C-alpha cells in the first residue's frame, strides 16, 4: 500500500526521470550558469535581456530539478504483478471502443504521455479501467458524450 509520500512509477518511467535529472544537472544547468556569468560580465544588468532570460531559465531548471528529485526520492516501482488479473499501474490493456481496438499502458502520473498511449491511472480513462478484468465494460464521459470501452486483454 502507498503512503501519501510515495509516487507510483514503472521502472521505465523512473529510469527516464533519472536520465532527465542527470541531463538537467550535468548539462543544461551548467550551460545556463555559464550563460548567466557571461551576461553578468557585460555590465549594466537592468537592461541586459540575456541576463534576465538566463536568470529566469536557471530558476525554472532549479525548480524542475527539485521536483524530479522529490519524485525519484519518493518513487515506488510498480509493475502490475501481484495485483490479481485486473488493470493496474504497469499493465497494458487492450480495449475495444466504437468497433476499434486500442492498447494503453497504465502508468504513474509522472509518466503519462497520451501520444505514446501511456495513460495515468488517475486520468478519467485510467480510473475507469483500474481494477477491471478482461470482458468487463466501462463507460467514460468525454466532451462528445459517453464512450464504452470493452476490455479485451490485460498483460
C-alpha atoms as a PDB file:
ATOM      1  CA  UNK A   1       0.000   0.000   0.000  1.00  0.00           C
ATOM      2  CA  UNK A   2       1.234   3.517  -0.785  1.00  0.00           C
ATOM      3  CA  UNK A   3       1.699   6.117   1.873  1.00  0.00           C
ATOM      4  CA  UNK A   4       0.927   9.716   0.965  1.00  0.00           C
ATOM      5  CA  UNK A   5       4.569  10.493   0.203  1.00  0.00           C
ATOM      6  CA  UNK A   6       5.056   7.720  -2.364  1.00  0.00           C
ATOM      7  CA  UNK A   7       4.636   8.147  -6.100  1.00  0.00           C
ATOM      8  CA  UNK A   8       3.856   5.092  -8.239  1.00  0.00           C
ATOM      9  CA  UNK A   9       6.013   4.746 -11.340  1.00  0.00           C
ATOM     10  CA  UNK A  10       7.071   1.945 -13.622  1.00  0.00           C
ATOM     11  CA  UNK A  11      10.754   1.022 -13.749  1.00  0.00           C
ATOM     12  CA  UNK A  12      10.971   2.528 -17.247  1.00  0.00           C
ATOM     13  CA  UNK A  13       9.373   5.744 -16.021  1.00  0.00           C
ATOM     14  CA  UNK A  14      11.784   6.024 -13.089  1.00  0.00           C
ATOM     15  CA  UNK A  15      14.746   5.392 -15.398  1.00  0.00           C
ATOM     16  CA  UNK A  16      13.517   8.174 -17.718  1.00  0.00           C
ATOM     17  CA  UNK A  17      13.140  10.584 -14.792  1.00  0.00           C
ATOM     18  CA  UNK A  18      16.649   9.776 -13.552  1.00  0.00           C
ATOM     19  CA  UNK A  19      18.036  10.333 -17.060  1.00  0.00           C
ATOM     20  CA  UNK A  20      16.244  13.690 -17.307  1.00  0.00           C
ATOM     21  CA  UNK A  21      17.565  14.669 -13.865  1.00  0.00           C
ATOM     22  CA  UNK A  22      21.124  13.815 -14.839  1.00  0.00           C
ATOM     23  CA  UNK A  23      20.778  15.803 -18.091  1.00  0.00           C
ATOM     24  CA  UNK A  24      19.429  18.822 -16.218  1.00  0.00           C
ATOM     25  CA  UNK A  25      22.114  18.752 -13.519  1.00  0.00           C
ATOM     26  CA  UNK A  26      25.124  17.760 -15.596  1.00  0.00           C
ATOM     27  CA  UNK A  27      24.460  19.522 -18.925  1.00  0.00           C
ATOM     28  CA  UNK A  28      21.694  22.099 -19.010  1.00  0.00           C
ATOM     29  CA  UNK A  29      22.185  23.782 -15.620  1.00  0.00           C
ATOM     30  CA  UNK A  30      25.963  24.324 -16.107  1.00  0.00           C
ATOM     31  CA  UNK A  31      25.243  25.819 -19.556  1.00  0.00           C
ATOM     32  CA  UNK A  32      22.734  28.281 -18.096  1.00  0.00           C
ATOM     33  CA  UNK A  33      25.061  29.172 -15.187  1.00  0.00           C
ATOM     34  CA  UNK A  34      27.809  29.872 -17.725  1.00  0.00           C
ATOM     35  CA  UNK A  35      25.433  31.992 -19.818  1.00  0.00           C
ATOM     36  CA  UNK A  36      24.392  33.895 -16.706  1.00  0.00           C
ATOM     37  CA  UNK A  37      28.033  34.571 -15.757  1.00  0.00           C
ATOM     38  CA  UNK A  38      28.805  35.890 -19.260  1.00  0.00           C
ATOM     39  CA  UNK A  39      25.716  38.109 -19.225  1.00  0.00           C
ATOM     40  CA  UNK A  40      26.605  39.432 -15.767  1.00  0.00           C
ATOM     41  CA  UNK A  41      30.107  40.282 -17.005  1.00  0.00           C
ATOM     42  CA  UNK A  42      28.629  42.539 -19.688  1.00  0.00           C
ATOM     43  CA  UNK A  43      27.839  45.218 -17.149  1.00  0.00           C
ATOM     44  CA  UNK A  44      24.511  47.036 -16.710  1.00  0.00           C
ATOM     45  CA  UNK A  45      22.116  44.285 -15.612  1.00  0.00           C
ATOM     46  CA  UNK A  46      18.988  46.431 -15.607  1.00  0.00           C
ATOM     47  CA  UNK A  47      18.745  46.406 -19.412  1.00  0.00           C
ATOM     48  CA  UNK A  48      20.513  43.122 -20.129  1.00  0.00           C
ATOM     49  CA  UNK A  49      17.815  40.831 -21.502  1.00  0.00           C
ATOM     50  CA  UNK A  50      20.165  37.821 -21.766  1.00  0.00           C
ATOM     51  CA  UNK A  51      20.937  38.145 -18.046  1.00  0.00           C
ATOM     52  CA  UNK A  52      17.228  38.241 -17.148  1.00  0.00           C
ATOM     53  CA  UNK A  53      16.380  35.362 -19.509  1.00  0.00           C
ATOM     54  CA  UNK A  54      19.233  33.227 -18.159  1.00  0.00           C
ATOM     55  CA  UNK A  55      18.230  34.005 -14.566  1.00  0.00           C
ATOM     56  CA  UNK A  56      14.611  33.017 -15.314  1.00  0.00           C
ATOM     57  CA  UNK A  57      15.734  29.832 -17.078  1.00  0.00           C
ATOM     58  CA  UNK A  58      18.009  28.923 -14.148  1.00  0.00           C
ATOM     59  CA  UNK A  59      15.128  29.426 -11.734  1.00  0.00           C
ATOM     60  CA  UNK A  60      12.923  27.174 -13.887  1.00  0.00           C
ATOM     61  CA  UNK A  61      15.628  24.478 -14.153  1.00  0.00           C
ATOM     62  CA  UNK A  62      16.265  24.537 -10.400  1.00  0.00           C
ATOM     63  CA  UNK A  63      12.531  24.093  -9.803  1.00  0.00           C
ATOM     64  CA  UNK A  64      12.344  21.175 -12.239  1.00  0.00           C
ATOM     65  CA  UNK A  65      15.434  19.562 -10.691  1.00  0.00           C
ATOM     66  CA  UNK A  66      13.915  19.818  -7.213  1.00  0.00           C
ATOM     67  CA  UNK A  67      10.603  18.445  -8.489  1.00  0.00           C
ATOM     68  CA  UNK A  68      12.220  15.406 -10.134  1.00  0.00           C
ATOM     69  CA  UNK A  69      14.485  14.772  -7.124  1.00  0.00           C
ATOM     70  CA  UNK A  70      11.407  14.655  -4.900  1.00  0.00           C
ATOM     71  CA  UNK A  71       9.657  12.200  -7.237  1.00  0.00           C
ATOM     72  CA  UNK A  72      12.738   9.964  -7.515  1.00  0.00           C
ATOM     73  CA  UNK A  73      13.201  10.018  -3.737  1.00  0.00           C
ATOM     74  CA  UNK A  74       9.586   9.015  -3.096  1.00  0.00           C
ATOM     75  CA  UNK A  75       9.148   6.649  -6.071  1.00  0.00           C
ATOM     76  CA  UNK A  76       7.642   3.218  -5.616  1.00  0.00           C
ATOM     77  CA  UNK A  77       8.247   0.979  -8.611  1.00  0.00           C
ATOM     78  CA  UNK A  78       5.163  -0.936  -9.685  1.00  0.00           C
ATOM     79  CA  UNK A  79       4.840  -3.457 -12.475  1.00  0.00           C
ATOM     80  CA  UNK A  80       1.240  -4.628 -12.305  1.00  0.00           C
ATOM     81  CA  UNK A  81       2.143  -8.061 -10.923  1.00  0.00           C
ATOM     82  CA  UNK A  82       0.751  -9.128  -7.601  1.00  0.00           C
ATOM     83  CA  UNK A  83      -2.496  -7.237  -8.123  1.00  0.00           C
ATOM     84  CA  UNK A  84      -4.558 -10.059  -9.459  1.00  0.00           C
ATOM     85  CA  UNK A  85      -5.600 -10.130 -13.092  1.00  0.00           C
ATOM     86  CA  UNK A  86      -7.105  -6.643 -13.174  1.00  0.00           C
ATOM     87  CA  UNK A  87      -5.867  -3.432 -14.736  1.00  0.00           C
ATOM     88  CA  UNK A  88      -3.158  -1.799 -12.587  1.00  0.00           C
ATOM     89  CA  UNK A  89      -0.199   0.557 -12.918  1.00  0.00           C
ATOM     90  CA  UNK A  90       2.367  -1.233 -15.046  1.00  0.00           C
ATOM     91  CA  UNK A  91      -0.125  -3.247 -17.084  1.00  0.00           C
ATOM     92  CA  UNK A  92      -1.050  -2.919 -20.734  1.00  0.00           C
ATOM     93  CA  UNK A  93      -4.723  -3.161 -21.566  1.00  0.00           C
ATOM     94  CA  UNK A  94      -6.266  -3.813 -24.974  1.00  0.00           C
ATOM     95  CA  UNK A  95      -9.753  -2.349 -25.347  1.00  0.00           C
ATOM     96  CA  UNK A  96     -12.448  -2.080 -27.989  1.00  0.00           C
ATOM     97  CA  UNK A  97     -14.314   1.186 -28.365  1.00  0.00           C
ATOM     98  CA  UNK A  98     -16.649   2.085 -31.237  1.00  0.00           C
ATOM     99  CA  UNK A  99     -15.547  -1.045 -33.111  1.00  0.00           C
ATOM    100  CA  UNK A 100     -11.858  -0.087 -32.965  1.00  0.00           C
ATOM    101  CA  UNK A 101      -9.163  -1.704 -30.862  1.00  0.00           C
ATOM    102  CA  UNK A 102      -6.604   0.302 -28.899  1.00  0.00           C
ATOM    103  CA  UNK A 103      -3.925  -0.617 -26.408  1.00  0.00           C
ATOM    104  CA  UNK A 104      -2.947   1.546 -23.460  1.00  0.00           C
ATOM    105  CA  UNK A 105      -0.134   1.217 -20.967  1.00  0.00           C
ATOM    106  CA  UNK A 106      -1.274   2.242 -17.470  1.00  0.00           C
ATOM    107  CA  UNK A 107       1.452   4.341 -15.832  1.00  0.00           C
ATOM    108  CA  UNK A 108       2.005   6.697 -12.923  1.00  0.00           C
ATOM    109  CA  UNK A 109       1.100  10.367 -13.282  1.00  0.00           C
ATOM    110  CA  UNK A 110       4.692  11.412 -13.994  1.00  0.00           C
ATOM    111  CA  UNK A 111       4.946   9.093 -16.978  1.00  0.00           C
ATOM    112  CA  UNK A 112       1.666   9.827 -18.734  1.00  0.00           C
ATOM    113  CA  UNK A 113       2.030  10.562 -22.443  1.00  0.00           C
ATOM    114  CA  UNK A 114      -1.191  10.077 -24.423  1.00  0.00           C
ATOM    115  CA  UNK A 115       0.711  10.392 -27.723  1.00  0.00           C
ATOM    116  CA  UNK A 116       2.503   7.139 -26.796  1.00  0.00           C
ATOM    117  CA  UNK A 117      -0.693   5.515 -25.422  1.00  0.00           C
ATOM    118  CA  UNK A 118       0.619   5.868 -21.863  1.00  0.00           C
ATOM    119  CA  UNK A 119      -2.258   6.928 -19.636  1.00  0.00           C
ATOM    120  CA  UNK A 120      -2.165   7.726 -15.962  1.00  0.00           C
ATOM    121  CA  UNK A 121      -4.139   5.646 -13.513  1.00  0.00           C
ATOM    122  CA  UNK A 122      -5.591   8.969 -12.293  1.00  0.00           C
ATOM    123  CA  UNK A 123      -6.889  10.064 -15.722  1.00  0.00           C
ATOM    124  CA  UNK A 124     -10.623   9.588 -16.366  1.00  0.00           C
ATOM    125  CA  UNK A 125      -9.994   6.536 -18.585  1.00  0.00           C
ATOM    126  CA  UNK A 126      -7.309   5.188 -16.257  1.00  0.00           C
ATOM    127  CA  UNK A 127      -9.632   5.484 -13.260  1.00  0.00           C
ATOM    128  CA  UNK A 128     -12.450   3.757 -15.138  1.00  0.00           C
ATOM    129  CA  UNK A 129     -10.208   0.860 -16.210  1.00  0.00           C
ATOM    130  CA  UNK A 130      -8.320   0.456 -12.918  1.00  0.00           C
ATOM    131  CA  UNK A 131      -9.044  -2.868 -11.236  1.00  0.00           C
ATOM    132  CA  UNK A 132     -11.301  -4.109 -14.044  1.00  0.00           C
ATOM    133  CA  UNK A 133     -10.841  -7.513 -15.655  1.00  0.00           C
ATOM    134  CA  UNK A 134     -10.995  -8.969 -19.180  1.00  0.00           C
ATOM    135  CA  UNK A 135     -14.557  -8.963 -20.513  1.00  0.00           C
ATOM    136  CA  UNK A 136     -15.726  -6.042 -18.377  1.00  0.00           C
ATOM    137  CA  UNK A 137     -17.032  -2.839 -19.911  1.00  0.00           C
ATOM    138  CA  UNK A 138     -16.533   0.668 -18.573  1.00  0.00           C
ATOM    139  CA  UNK A 139     -18.153   3.937 -19.541  1.00  0.00           C
ATOM    140  CA  UNK A 140     -16.155   7.147 -19.734  1.00  0.00           C
ATOM    141  CA  UNK A 141     -17.611  10.617 -20.116  1.00  0.00           C
ATOM    142  CA  UNK A 142     -15.966  12.639 -22.885  1.00  0.00           C
ATOM    143  CA  UNK A 143     -16.940  16.037 -24.298  1.00  0.00           C
ATOM    144  CA  UNK A 144     -18.824  14.327 -27.148  1.00  0.00           C
ATOM    145  CA  UNK A 145     -20.794  12.062 -24.793  1.00  0.00           C
ATOM    146  CA  UNK A 146     -20.179   8.673 -23.229  1.00  0.00           C
ATOM    147  CA  UNK A 147     -17.800   6.072 -24.657  1.00  0.00           C
ATOM    148  CA  UNK A 148     -17.999   2.397 -23.705  1.00  0.00           C
ATOM    149  CA  UNK A 149     -14.691   0.517 -23.534  1.00  0.00           C
ATOM    150  CA  UNK A 150     -14.639  -3.295 -23.502  1.00  0.00           C
ATOM    151  CA  UNK A 151     -11.524  -4.844 -22.008  1.00  0.00           C
ATOM    152  CA  UNK A 152     -10.158  -7.476 -24.402  1.00  0.00           C
ATOM    153  CA  UNK A 153      -6.783  -8.321 -22.849  1.00  0.00           C
ATOM    154  CA  UNK A 154      -4.516  -7.342 -19.952  1.00  0.00           C
ATOM    155  CA  UNK A 155      -0.804  -8.066 -19.814  1.00  0.00           C
END
